[in-house]
Protein backbone atom coordinates (compact mmCIF):
# COMPACT_ATOMS: atom_id res chain seq x y z
CA MET A 1 56.83 7.59 11.45
CA SER A 2 55.20 10.88 10.11
CA ARG A 3 53.56 13.05 12.61
CA PHE A 4 51.23 14.36 9.89
CA VAL A 5 48.16 13.16 8.60
CA THR A 6 48.27 11.26 5.33
CA ASP A 7 45.41 10.96 2.73
CA LYS A 8 45.49 6.97 2.90
CA ASN A 9 41.82 5.75 3.01
CA ILE A 10 40.56 2.69 4.86
CA ARG A 11 37.67 0.55 3.58
CA ILE A 12 35.09 -0.82 5.96
CA SER A 13 33.18 -3.63 4.59
CA LEU A 14 29.46 -3.67 5.49
CA GLY A 15 28.74 -7.19 3.92
CA GLY A 16 27.94 -8.29 0.62
CA ASN A 17 29.21 -5.94 -2.02
CA GLU A 18 28.72 -2.82 0.26
CA TRP A 19 31.50 -1.04 1.75
CA VAL A 20 32.44 2.53 3.04
CA ASP A 21 35.68 4.31 2.59
CA VAL A 22 37.00 6.66 5.25
CA HIS A 23 40.01 8.85 5.69
CA GLY A 24 42.81 6.85 7.44
CA GLN A 25 43.36 9.68 9.69
CA LEU A 26 41.76 13.00 10.70
CA THR A 27 43.79 16.16 11.85
CA PHE A 28 43.56 17.05 15.32
CA ALA A 29 41.62 20.37 14.26
CA GLU A 30 39.33 18.29 12.39
CA LEU A 31 38.54 16.18 15.49
CA SER A 32 38.72 18.59 18.16
CA PRO A 33 34.97 19.42 18.12
CA ILE A 34 34.14 15.83 18.34
CA MET A 35 36.61 14.88 20.89
CA SER A 36 35.30 17.66 23.43
CA THR A 37 31.84 15.78 23.27
CA ILE A 38 33.04 12.00 23.56
CA ASP A 39 31.93 10.52 26.78
CA SER A 40 33.56 7.19 27.50
CA ALA A 41 31.15 6.46 30.43
CA ASN A 42 27.90 6.86 28.28
CA PRO A 43 28.46 5.59 24.67
CA THR A 44 24.78 6.04 23.61
CA ALA A 45 25.26 9.90 24.29
CA ASN A 46 27.96 9.69 21.71
CA LEU A 47 25.61 8.91 19.04
CA LYS A 48 24.80 12.72 18.72
CA MET A 49 28.13 12.95 17.15
CA ALA A 50 27.88 10.19 14.71
CA ILE A 51 26.73 12.45 11.74
CA PRO A 52 29.33 14.98 11.97
CA LEU A 53 31.81 12.25 12.57
CA LEU A 54 30.53 10.53 9.40
CA GLU A 55 30.66 13.49 7.27
CA LEU A 56 34.22 14.18 8.12
CA ALA A 57 35.31 10.64 7.63
CA ILE A 58 33.47 9.24 4.54
CA THR A 59 35.13 9.67 1.35
CA ASP A 60 33.48 7.22 -0.75
CA TRP A 61 30.93 4.24 -0.68
CA CYS A 62 29.40 1.48 -2.42
CA LEU A 63 25.86 1.31 -0.92
CA GLU A 64 22.61 -0.09 -2.32
CA ASN A 65 18.94 1.18 -2.36
CA ASP A 66 16.06 -1.49 -1.51
CA ASP A 67 16.03 -2.31 -5.29
CA ALA A 68 19.86 -3.23 -5.05
CA THR A 69 20.78 -0.33 -7.16
CA THR A 70 24.04 1.59 -6.27
CA VAL A 71 23.42 5.00 -4.72
CA PRO A 72 26.43 7.43 -5.81
CA PHE A 73 28.35 8.77 -2.98
CA ASP A 74 27.32 12.29 -2.08
CA LYS A 75 28.24 13.96 1.35
CA ASP A 76 24.67 15.21 1.43
CA LYS A 77 23.25 11.69 1.45
CA ILE A 78 25.16 10.88 4.70
CA LYS A 79 22.15 12.57 6.74
CA GLN A 80 19.82 10.04 4.87
CA LEU A 81 21.60 6.69 6.05
CA ASP A 82 19.33 4.59 8.01
CA THR A 83 19.85 4.06 11.73
CA ALA A 84 21.22 0.70 11.39
CA THR A 85 23.92 1.72 9.07
CA VAL A 86 24.96 4.63 11.29
CA VAL A 87 24.99 2.35 14.36
CA GLU A 88 27.06 -0.18 12.60
CA LEU A 89 29.67 2.47 11.11
CA PHE A 90 29.87 5.00 13.99
CA PRO A 91 31.82 2.57 16.66
CA LYS A 92 34.03 1.21 13.84
CA ILE A 93 35.04 4.76 13.01
CA ILE A 94 35.27 5.89 16.68
CA GLN A 95 37.85 2.82 17.24
CA LEU A 96 39.94 3.87 14.01
CA TYR A 97 40.33 7.51 15.18
CA PHE A 98 40.06 7.08 19.22
CA PRO A 99 41.74 3.67 19.79
CA GLU A 100 41.73 2.60 23.43
CA LYS A 101 44.89 3.90 25.16
CA LYS A 102 47.53 1.15 25.85
CA SER A 103 49.28 1.73 29.04
CA SER A 104 52.63 2.63 28.65
CA THR A 105 55.70 3.17 30.83
CA THR A 106 57.87 6.07 31.21
CA SER A 107 61.57 5.70 32.04
CA ALA A 108 63.60 8.22 33.82
CA GLU A 109 66.89 8.55 32.60
């Protein structure tokens, strides 16, 4: 198991022909500004970090306009995503980068 981030991407399906590719992993240095503001007791408050996290995570997409034309990927367009799309993507990306901790046992040898 490597202890270093790889450049593997993960595709998140949004239904139909739409999808978003995100980095499979981000470095601790990339995530640390976001980690300091994550509040597990108040998930709604975490939405303020949605755009910065999406800007770090998203590498490509196939998203459509109202007229069904594909919008080319552009990091600057992330800020133009509608609320429904951000609310759909944000928890999926949070789960990817901050999976719930599993209880572990420590053995004393």
